[in-house]
N, C-alpha and C. Protein backbone atom coordinates (compact mmCIF):
# COMPACT_ATOMS: atom_id res chain seq x y z
N MET A 1 0.67 -9.87 27.74
CA MET A 1 2.01 -9.33 27.78
C MET A 1 2.11 -8.04 26.96
N ALA A 2 1.62 -8.08 25.72
CA ALA A 2 1.71 -6.89 24.86
C ALA A 2 0.88 -5.74 25.42
N ASP A 3 -0.18 -6.06 26.17
CA ASP A 3 -1.01 -5.00 26.73
C ASP A 3 -0.28 -4.26 27.85
N ASP A 4 0.74 -4.90 28.44
CA ASP A 4 1.50 -4.26 29.51
C ASP A 4 2.46 -3.21 28.98
N ILE A 5 2.81 -3.30 27.71
CA ILE A 5 3.76 -2.37 27.11
C ILE A 5 3.04 -1.08 26.75
N VAL A 6 3.54 0.03 27.23
CA VAL A 6 2.91 1.32 26.95
C VAL A 6 3.80 2.07 25.98
N CYS A 7 3.22 2.45 24.87
CA CYS A 7 3.96 3.21 23.85
C CYS A 7 3.02 4.26 23.31
N HIS A 8 3.45 5.50 23.34
CA HIS A 8 2.55 6.56 22.89
C HIS A 8 2.43 6.61 21.37
N LEU A 9 3.25 5.87 20.65
CA LEU A 9 3.15 5.84 19.19
C LEU A 9 3.07 4.39 18.72
N ARG A 10 2.03 3.68 19.15
CA ARG A 10 1.88 2.27 18.78
C ARG A 10 1.87 2.08 17.27
N ALA A 11 1.34 3.03 16.54
CA ALA A 11 1.21 2.87 15.09
C ALA A 11 2.57 2.79 14.39
N LEU A 12 3.62 3.29 15.04
CA LEU A 12 4.94 3.24 14.41
C LEU A 12 5.54 1.84 14.47
N TYR A 13 5.03 1.02 15.36
CA TYR A 13 5.54 -0.34 15.52
C TYR A 13 4.54 -1.30 14.91
N LYS A 14 4.94 -1.97 13.86
CA LYS A 14 4.02 -2.83 13.14
C LYS A 14 4.13 -4.25 13.63
N LEU A 15 2.98 -4.90 13.76
CA LEU A 15 2.96 -6.31 14.08
C LEU A 15 3.32 -7.09 12.83
N PRO A 16 3.88 -8.27 12.99
CA PRO A 16 4.14 -9.10 11.80
C PRO A 16 2.83 -9.35 11.07
N ARG A 17 2.90 -9.44 9.78
CA ARG A 17 1.70 -9.62 8.96
C ARG A 17 1.37 -11.11 8.87
N ARG A 18 0.96 -11.67 9.97
CA ARG A 18 0.56 -13.06 10.00
C ARG A 18 -0.91 -13.12 10.32
N ARG A 19 -1.56 -14.14 9.80
CA ARG A 19 -3.01 -14.28 9.97
C ARG A 19 -3.42 -14.39 11.42
N ASP A 20 -2.56 -15.00 12.28
CA ASP A 20 -2.99 -15.19 13.66
C ASP A 20 -2.95 -13.89 14.46
N PHE A 21 -2.46 -12.80 13.89
CA PHE A 21 -2.47 -11.52 14.57
C PHE A 21 -3.70 -10.69 14.19
N LEU A 22 -4.45 -11.13 13.18
CA LEU A 22 -5.64 -10.40 12.76
C LEU A 22 -6.82 -10.81 13.63
N PRO A 23 -7.71 -9.87 13.94
CA PRO A 23 -8.94 -10.24 14.65
C PRO A 23 -9.73 -11.23 13.81
N PRO A 24 -10.52 -12.12 14.44
CA PRO A 24 -11.23 -13.16 13.69
C PRO A 24 -12.10 -12.63 12.56
N ASN A 25 -12.78 -11.50 12.75
CA ASN A 25 -13.63 -10.98 11.68
C ASN A 25 -12.82 -10.51 10.49
N GLU A 26 -11.58 -10.09 10.69
CA GLU A 26 -10.76 -9.63 9.58
C GLU A 26 -10.14 -10.81 8.84
N ILE A 27 -9.92 -11.92 9.53
CA ILE A 27 -9.40 -13.11 8.85
C ILE A 27 -10.41 -13.59 7.83
N MET A 28 -11.68 -13.59 8.18
CA MET A 28 -12.72 -14.07 7.29
C MET A 28 -12.89 -13.17 6.08
N ASP A 29 -12.63 -11.87 6.23
CA ASP A 29 -12.90 -10.92 5.15
C ASP A 29 -11.71 -10.66 4.25
N CYS A 30 -10.60 -11.33 4.44
CA CYS A 30 -9.39 -11.06 3.66
C CYS A 30 -9.61 -11.47 2.20
N PRO A 31 -9.59 -10.53 1.24
CA PRO A 31 -9.89 -10.84 -0.16
C PRO A 31 -8.91 -11.83 -0.79
N LEU A 32 -7.68 -11.88 -0.31
CA LEU A 32 -6.70 -12.77 -0.92
C LEU A 32 -6.90 -14.23 -0.53
N ASP A 33 -7.73 -14.50 0.49
CA ASP A 33 -7.97 -15.88 0.89
C ASP A 33 -8.52 -16.71 -0.25
N LYS A 34 -9.38 -16.10 -1.06
CA LYS A 34 -9.98 -16.82 -2.18
C LYS A 34 -8.93 -17.32 -3.17
N LEU A 35 -7.88 -16.55 -3.34
CA LEU A 35 -6.88 -16.85 -4.37
C LEU A 35 -5.52 -17.19 -3.76
N LYS A 36 -5.51 -17.64 -2.51
CA LYS A 36 -4.26 -17.84 -1.80
C LYS A 36 -3.31 -18.80 -2.53
N SER A 37 -3.85 -19.85 -3.08
CA SER A 37 -3.00 -20.85 -3.73
C SER A 37 -2.68 -20.49 -5.19
N TYR A 38 -3.30 -19.46 -5.72
CA TYR A 38 -3.11 -19.08 -7.13
C TYR A 38 -2.01 -18.05 -7.28
N ARG A 39 -1.16 -18.23 -8.27
CA ARG A 39 -0.17 -17.24 -8.66
C ARG A 39 -0.26 -17.09 -10.17
N PRO A 40 -0.36 -15.85 -10.67
CA PRO A 40 -0.41 -15.65 -12.13
C PRO A 40 0.82 -16.25 -12.80
N SER A 41 0.61 -16.79 -13.97
CA SER A 41 1.69 -17.45 -14.69
C SER A 41 1.79 -16.91 -16.11
N GLU A 42 3.01 -16.92 -16.62
CA GLU A 42 3.24 -16.49 -18.01
C GLU A 42 2.63 -17.47 -19.01
N LYS A 43 2.32 -18.69 -18.54
CA LYS A 43 1.80 -19.73 -19.43
C LYS A 43 0.33 -19.53 -19.78
N GLU A 44 -0.39 -18.77 -18.98
CA GLU A 44 -1.81 -18.55 -19.25
C GLU A 44 -2.00 -17.24 -20.02
N PRO A 45 -3.15 -17.04 -20.64
CA PRO A 45 -3.40 -15.78 -21.37
C PRO A 45 -3.26 -14.57 -20.44
N PHE A 46 -2.63 -13.53 -20.96
CA PHE A 46 -2.37 -12.33 -20.14
C PHE A 46 -3.66 -11.64 -19.77
N MET A 47 -3.78 -11.27 -18.52
CA MET A 47 -4.92 -10.58 -17.92
C MET A 47 -6.25 -11.26 -18.22
N ASN A 48 -6.23 -12.57 -18.05
CA ASN A 48 -7.49 -13.31 -18.12
C ASN A 48 -8.30 -13.00 -16.86
N GLU A 49 -9.50 -13.53 -16.79
CA GLU A 49 -10.39 -13.21 -15.67
C GLU A 49 -9.78 -13.59 -14.32
N ARG A 50 -9.10 -14.72 -14.27
CA ARG A 50 -8.51 -15.16 -13.01
C ARG A 50 -7.39 -14.21 -12.56
N GLN A 51 -6.56 -13.76 -13.50
CA GLN A 51 -5.49 -12.80 -13.16
C GLN A 51 -6.08 -11.48 -12.70
N ARG A 52 -7.10 -11.00 -13.40
CA ARG A 52 -7.73 -9.74 -13.00
C ARG A 52 -8.32 -9.85 -11.60
N GLU A 53 -8.97 -10.97 -11.31
CA GLU A 53 -9.55 -11.18 -9.99
C GLU A 53 -8.45 -11.26 -8.92
N TYR A 54 -7.33 -11.89 -9.26
CA TYR A 54 -6.20 -11.99 -8.33
C TYR A 54 -5.66 -10.59 -7.99
N PHE A 55 -5.43 -9.78 -9.01
CA PHE A 55 -4.90 -8.43 -8.76
C PHE A 55 -5.94 -7.53 -8.10
N ARG A 56 -7.21 -7.71 -8.41
CA ARG A 56 -8.26 -6.95 -7.73
C ARG A 56 -8.23 -7.27 -6.23
N ALA A 57 -8.16 -8.55 -5.89
CA ALA A 57 -8.11 -8.96 -4.48
C ALA A 57 -6.86 -8.43 -3.79
N LYS A 58 -5.74 -8.47 -4.51
CA LYS A 58 -4.48 -7.98 -3.94
C LYS A 58 -4.56 -6.47 -3.67
N LEU A 59 -5.11 -5.73 -4.60
CA LEU A 59 -5.25 -4.27 -4.43
C LEU A 59 -6.22 -3.94 -3.30
N LEU A 60 -7.33 -4.66 -3.23
CA LEU A 60 -8.30 -4.41 -2.17
C LEU A 60 -7.72 -4.73 -0.79
N ALA A 61 -6.95 -5.80 -0.70
CA ALA A 61 -6.33 -6.15 0.58
C ALA A 61 -5.33 -5.07 0.99
N TRP A 62 -4.56 -4.56 0.01
CA TRP A 62 -3.58 -3.50 0.28
C TRP A 62 -4.29 -2.24 0.77
N LYS A 63 -5.37 -1.90 0.09
CA LYS A 63 -6.14 -0.71 0.48
C LYS A 63 -6.73 -0.87 1.88
N ASP A 64 -7.28 -2.04 2.17
CA ASP A 64 -7.83 -2.30 3.51
C ASP A 64 -6.76 -2.17 4.58
N GLU A 65 -5.57 -2.68 4.30
CA GLU A 65 -4.47 -2.59 5.26
C GLU A 65 -4.10 -1.13 5.53
N ILE A 66 -4.03 -0.33 4.48
CA ILE A 66 -3.69 1.09 4.63
C ILE A 66 -4.76 1.80 5.45
N LEU A 67 -6.02 1.51 5.16
CA LEU A 67 -7.11 2.16 5.89
C LEU A 67 -7.12 1.76 7.36
N ARG A 68 -6.82 0.48 7.65
CA ARG A 68 -6.73 0.03 9.05
C ARG A 68 -5.61 0.76 9.78
N GLU A 69 -4.45 0.88 9.11
CA GLU A 69 -3.31 1.57 9.73
C GLU A 69 -3.64 3.05 9.96
N ALA A 70 -4.34 3.66 9.02
CA ALA A 70 -4.71 5.07 9.17
C ALA A 70 -5.66 5.25 10.35
N LYS A 71 -6.60 4.33 10.50
CA LYS A 71 -7.53 4.40 11.62
C LYS A 71 -6.78 4.25 12.95
N LEU A 72 -5.84 3.33 13.01
CA LEU A 72 -5.04 3.14 14.22
C LEU A 72 -4.21 4.38 14.52
N THR A 73 -3.63 4.99 13.50
CA THR A 73 -2.85 6.21 13.69
C THR A 73 -3.72 7.33 14.23
N LEU A 74 -4.89 7.48 13.66
CA LEU A 74 -5.81 8.52 14.11
C LEU A 74 -6.18 8.32 15.58
N GLN A 75 -6.49 7.08 15.95
CA GLN A 75 -6.82 6.79 17.35
C GLN A 75 -5.63 7.10 18.26
N THR A 76 -4.44 6.71 17.83
CA THR A 76 -3.24 6.93 18.63
C THR A 76 -2.98 8.42 18.81
N LEU A 77 -3.10 9.19 17.74
CA LEU A 77 -2.85 10.63 17.83
C LEU A 77 -3.89 11.32 18.70
N GLN A 78 -5.13 10.83 18.68
CA GLN A 78 -6.17 11.42 19.52
C GLN A 78 -5.96 11.09 21.00
N GLU A 79 -5.46 9.88 21.27
CA GLU A 79 -5.25 9.45 22.66
C GLU A 79 -3.99 10.05 23.28
N GLU A 80 -3.05 10.39 22.45
CA GLU A 80 -1.75 10.86 22.94
C GLU A 80 -1.89 12.18 23.69
N ASN A 81 -1.21 12.25 24.80
CA ASN A 81 -1.20 13.48 25.60
C ASN A 81 -0.06 14.36 25.08
N VAL A 82 -0.40 15.51 24.53
CA VAL A 82 0.62 16.39 23.94
C VAL A 82 1.13 17.45 24.91
N ASN A 83 0.62 17.47 26.12
CA ASN A 83 1.07 18.45 27.11
C ASN A 83 2.23 17.90 27.93
N HIS A 84 3.36 17.77 27.30
CA HIS A 84 4.55 17.29 28.00
C HIS A 84 5.19 18.47 28.74
N PRO A 85 5.52 18.30 30.01
CA PRO A 85 6.13 19.40 30.75
C PRO A 85 7.54 19.71 30.27
N ASP A 86 8.25 18.70 29.78
CA ASP A 86 9.61 18.91 29.33
C ASP A 86 9.62 19.33 27.86
N LEU A 87 10.38 20.37 27.53
CA LEU A 87 10.43 20.87 26.15
C LEU A 87 11.00 19.82 25.19
N ALA A 88 11.98 19.08 25.64
CA ALA A 88 12.58 18.06 24.77
C ALA A 88 11.55 16.96 24.45
N ASP A 89 10.77 16.55 25.46
CA ASP A 89 9.73 15.55 25.23
C ASP A 89 8.67 16.09 24.27
N ARG A 90 8.30 17.32 24.45
CA ARG A 90 7.29 17.94 23.59
C ARG A 90 7.80 18.01 22.15
N ALA A 91 9.06 18.40 21.97
CA ALA A 91 9.63 18.50 20.63
C ALA A 91 9.70 17.12 19.98
N SER A 92 10.11 16.13 20.76
CA SER A 92 10.18 14.77 20.24
C SER A 92 8.80 14.27 19.82
N SER A 93 7.81 14.55 20.64
CA SER A 93 6.44 14.13 20.35
C SER A 93 5.92 14.82 19.08
N GLU A 94 6.19 16.10 18.94
CA GLU A 94 5.75 16.83 17.74
C GLU A 94 6.44 16.31 16.48
N THR A 95 7.71 15.97 16.60
CA THR A 95 8.44 15.41 15.46
C THR A 95 7.85 14.07 15.06
N ASP A 96 7.56 13.23 16.07
CA ASP A 96 6.95 11.93 15.79
C ASP A 96 5.60 12.09 15.11
N ARG A 97 4.80 13.04 15.57
CA ARG A 97 3.49 13.29 14.98
C ARG A 97 3.63 13.76 13.53
N ALA A 98 4.59 14.64 13.29
CA ALA A 98 4.79 15.16 11.93
C ALA A 98 5.21 14.03 10.98
N ILE A 99 6.10 13.17 11.44
CA ILE A 99 6.54 12.04 10.61
C ILE A 99 5.38 11.11 10.31
N GLU A 100 4.60 10.81 11.33
CA GLU A 100 3.45 9.91 11.14
C GLU A 100 2.43 10.52 10.20
N LEU A 101 2.15 11.80 10.33
CA LEU A 101 1.18 12.46 9.45
C LEU A 101 1.69 12.52 8.01
N ARG A 102 2.99 12.72 7.84
CA ARG A 102 3.57 12.71 6.49
C ARG A 102 3.44 11.33 5.85
N ALA A 103 3.68 10.29 6.66
CA ALA A 103 3.52 8.93 6.14
C ALA A 103 2.07 8.66 5.76
N ARG A 104 1.14 9.11 6.56
CA ARG A 104 -0.28 8.92 6.26
C ARG A 104 -0.68 9.68 5.00
N ASP A 105 -0.09 10.84 4.77
CA ASP A 105 -0.38 11.61 3.56
C ASP A 105 0.11 10.85 2.32
N ARG A 106 1.29 10.26 2.42
CA ARG A 106 1.79 9.44 1.31
C ARG A 106 0.85 8.27 1.05
N GLN A 107 0.35 7.67 2.13
CA GLN A 107 -0.55 6.53 1.95
C GLN A 107 -1.91 6.98 1.40
N ARG A 108 -2.34 8.19 1.72
CA ARG A 108 -3.58 8.72 1.14
C ARG A 108 -3.43 8.82 -0.38
N LYS A 109 -2.26 9.28 -0.83
CA LYS A 109 -2.00 9.37 -2.27
C LYS A 109 -1.93 7.97 -2.89
N LEU A 110 -1.39 7.02 -2.12
CA LEU A 110 -1.31 5.65 -2.60
C LEU A 110 -2.70 5.06 -2.79
N ILE A 111 -3.63 5.40 -1.91
CA ILE A 111 -5.01 4.90 -2.04
C ILE A 111 -5.62 5.37 -3.36
N SER A 112 -5.34 6.61 -3.75
CA SER A 112 -5.90 7.08 -5.03
C SER A 112 -5.29 6.31 -6.20
N LYS A 113 -4.02 5.92 -6.08
CA LYS A 113 -3.41 5.10 -7.14
C LYS A 113 -4.00 3.69 -7.15
N ILE A 114 -4.29 3.16 -5.98
CA ILE A 114 -4.93 1.84 -5.90
C ILE A 114 -6.32 1.92 -6.53
N ASP A 115 -7.07 2.97 -6.21
CA ASP A 115 -8.40 3.14 -6.81
C ASP A 115 -8.31 3.26 -8.33
N ALA A 116 -7.29 3.95 -8.82
CA ALA A 116 -7.11 4.07 -10.27
C ALA A 116 -6.80 2.71 -10.88
N ALA A 117 -5.99 1.90 -10.19
CA ALA A 117 -5.67 0.56 -10.70
C ALA A 117 -6.93 -0.31 -10.70
N LEU A 118 -7.76 -0.20 -9.67
CA LEU A 118 -9.01 -0.96 -9.64
C LEU A 118 -9.93 -0.54 -10.78
N GLN A 119 -9.93 0.76 -11.10
CA GLN A 119 -10.74 1.23 -12.23
C GLN A 119 -10.20 0.67 -13.55
N ARG A 120 -8.87 0.59 -13.67
CA ARG A 120 -8.28 0.01 -14.89
C ARG A 120 -8.65 -1.46 -15.02
N ILE A 121 -8.76 -2.16 -13.90
CA ILE A 121 -9.19 -3.57 -13.95
C ILE A 121 -10.61 -3.63 -14.50
N GLU A 122 -11.47 -2.72 -14.03
CA GLU A 122 -12.87 -2.70 -14.48
C GLU A 122 -12.99 -2.42 -15.98
N ASP A 123 -12.14 -1.51 -16.50
CA ASP A 123 -12.27 -1.19 -17.93
C ASP A 123 -11.26 -1.96 -18.79
N ASN A 124 -10.70 -3.02 -18.24
CA ASN A 124 -9.82 -3.95 -18.97
C ASN A 124 -8.55 -3.31 -19.54
N THR A 125 -8.05 -2.27 -18.92
CA THR A 125 -6.78 -1.69 -19.35
C THR A 125 -5.67 -1.98 -18.35
N TYR A 126 -6.00 -2.66 -17.25
CA TYR A 126 -5.01 -2.97 -16.22
C TYR A 126 -3.97 -3.95 -16.78
N GLY A 127 -2.72 -3.69 -16.44
CA GLY A 127 -1.65 -4.59 -16.85
C GLY A 127 -0.99 -4.21 -18.16
N TYR A 128 -1.48 -3.16 -18.79
CA TYR A 128 -0.90 -2.70 -20.06
C TYR A 128 -0.26 -1.33 -19.86
N CYS A 129 0.91 -1.16 -20.44
CA CYS A 129 1.68 0.07 -20.31
C CYS A 129 0.90 1.24 -20.92
N GLU A 130 0.80 2.33 -20.16
CA GLU A 130 0.08 3.51 -20.65
C GLU A 130 0.82 4.20 -21.79
N GLU A 131 2.13 4.00 -21.86
CA GLU A 131 2.93 4.66 -22.88
C GLU A 131 3.00 3.86 -24.18
N THR A 132 3.21 2.55 -24.06
CA THR A 132 3.41 1.71 -25.25
C THR A 132 2.24 0.82 -25.58
N GLY A 133 1.38 0.55 -24.61
CA GLY A 133 0.27 -0.37 -24.83
C GLY A 133 0.66 -1.83 -24.70
N GLU A 134 1.93 -2.09 -24.46
CA GLU A 134 2.42 -3.47 -24.31
C GLU A 134 2.08 -3.98 -22.91
N PRO A 135 1.97 -5.31 -22.77
CA PRO A 135 1.72 -5.86 -21.43
C PRO A 135 2.87 -5.56 -20.47
N ILE A 136 2.52 -5.24 -19.23
CA ILE A 136 3.50 -5.07 -18.16
C ILE A 136 3.76 -6.47 -17.62
N SER A 137 5.01 -6.80 -17.32
CA SER A 137 5.32 -8.15 -16.88
C SER A 137 4.60 -8.49 -15.58
N LEU A 138 4.23 -9.75 -15.44
CA LEU A 138 3.54 -10.20 -14.23
C LEU A 138 4.41 -10.03 -12.99
N LYS A 139 5.72 -10.19 -13.16
CA LYS A 139 6.63 -10.01 -12.02
C LYS A 139 6.57 -8.56 -11.53
N ARG A 140 6.53 -7.62 -12.45
CA ARG A 140 6.44 -6.20 -12.07
C ARG A 140 5.09 -5.92 -11.39
N LEU A 141 4.02 -6.45 -11.96
CA LEU A 141 2.70 -6.22 -11.36
C LEU A 141 2.59 -6.88 -9.99
N GLU A 142 3.24 -8.01 -9.82
CA GLU A 142 3.23 -8.69 -8.53
C GLU A 142 3.96 -7.82 -7.49
N ALA A 143 5.08 -7.23 -7.90
CA ALA A 143 5.87 -6.40 -6.99
C ALA A 143 5.22 -5.03 -6.77
N ARG A 144 4.63 -4.47 -7.82
CA ARG A 144 4.01 -3.14 -7.74
C ARG A 144 2.69 -3.17 -8.50
N PRO A 145 1.62 -3.59 -7.82
CA PRO A 145 0.34 -3.77 -8.51
C PRO A 145 -0.26 -2.49 -9.07
N ILE A 146 0.25 -1.32 -8.67
CA ILE A 146 -0.29 -0.06 -9.20
C ILE A 146 0.51 0.45 -10.40
N ALA A 147 1.46 -0.35 -10.88
CA ALA A 147 2.31 0.07 -11.99
C ALA A 147 1.47 0.39 -13.23
N THR A 148 1.84 1.49 -13.89
CA THR A 148 1.15 1.88 -15.12
C THR A 148 2.09 1.84 -16.32
N LEU A 149 3.38 1.66 -16.05
CA LEU A 149 4.37 1.63 -17.13
C LEU A 149 5.16 0.33 -17.07
N SER A 150 5.58 -0.17 -18.23
CA SER A 150 6.46 -1.33 -18.26
C SER A 150 7.82 -0.91 -17.72
N VAL A 151 8.67 -1.87 -17.42
CA VAL A 151 9.99 -1.56 -16.88
C VAL A 151 10.76 -0.65 -17.83
N GLU A 152 10.72 -0.96 -19.13
CA GLU A 152 11.45 -0.17 -20.11
C GLU A 152 10.92 1.27 -20.18
N ALA A 153 9.61 1.41 -20.21
CA ALA A 153 9.00 2.75 -20.27
C ALA A 153 9.30 3.52 -18.98
N GLN A 154 9.29 2.85 -17.85
CA GLN A 154 9.61 3.50 -16.57
C GLN A 154 11.06 3.99 -16.57
N GLU A 155 11.97 3.17 -17.09
CA GLU A 155 13.38 3.57 -17.15
C GLU A 155 13.55 4.79 -18.04
N ARG A 156 12.87 4.81 -19.20
CA ARG A 156 12.94 5.99 -20.08
C ARG A 156 12.39 7.22 -19.38
N HIS A 157 11.29 7.05 -18.69
CA HIS A 157 10.66 8.16 -17.96
C HIS A 157 11.62 8.70 -16.90
N GLU A 158 12.27 7.80 -16.15
CA GLU A 158 13.20 8.23 -15.10
C GLU A 158 14.44 8.91 -15.69
N LYS A 159 14.91 8.44 -16.85
CA LYS A 159 16.07 9.09 -17.49
C LYS A 159 15.71 10.49 -17.94
N ARG A 160 14.52 10.66 -18.54
CA ARG A 160 14.09 12.00 -18.96
C ARG A 160 13.94 12.91 -17.75
N GLU A 161 13.39 12.38 -16.68
CA GLU A 161 13.22 13.15 -15.45
C GLU A 161 14.57 13.60 -14.89
N LYS A 162 15.55 12.71 -14.96
CA LYS A 162 16.89 13.04 -14.46
C LYS A 162 17.55 14.11 -15.31
N VAL A 163 17.37 14.03 -16.62
CA VAL A 163 17.95 15.02 -17.53
C VAL A 163 17.37 16.40 -17.23
N TYR A 164 16.06 16.49 -17.07
CA TYR A 164 15.43 17.79 -16.79
C TYR A 164 15.82 18.31 -15.41
N ARG A 165 16.01 17.41 -14.47
CA ARG A 165 16.38 17.83 -13.11
C ARG A 165 17.81 18.35 -13.09
N ASP A 166 18.70 17.76 -13.88
CA ASP A 166 20.11 18.14 -13.90
C ASP A 166 20.35 19.46 -14.61
N GLU A 167 19.41 19.86 -15.46
CA GLU A 167 19.63 21.10 -16.23
C GLU A 167 19.39 22.34 -15.43
């Protein structure tokens, strides 16, 4: 059924992130499978080996997902026929391409942040605020695994940024 649907920008439409939509070889290689039942807890020592392994797997899975989406986008853009006879269709297609490429550029920058977080895991500085040295809450790391600042430090940073922007 899905093969019957023709869309020149398939990459813009995301499939639900369920395991049964992944090809069999990708189901086996999912790094989070090892730690699926584990959730970091405030009751255990902060950034113990199990927590570091959990966040490493989470970051690697995120990076793999971004790279898969980038590959799909590249294939879609290469397959797309850009010689539309109608000017409106051509303009619409170019706008869609520009939006998709901008999104991919943001994700390219995100990959470098993921790589930096993985490096922090390796040198045991992951999970600690770069400004204060205090632990970043597990809830924040769960929501944003590339976080480098605690919530309080991030709020101060954003307030300073707003003050300089307003001047």
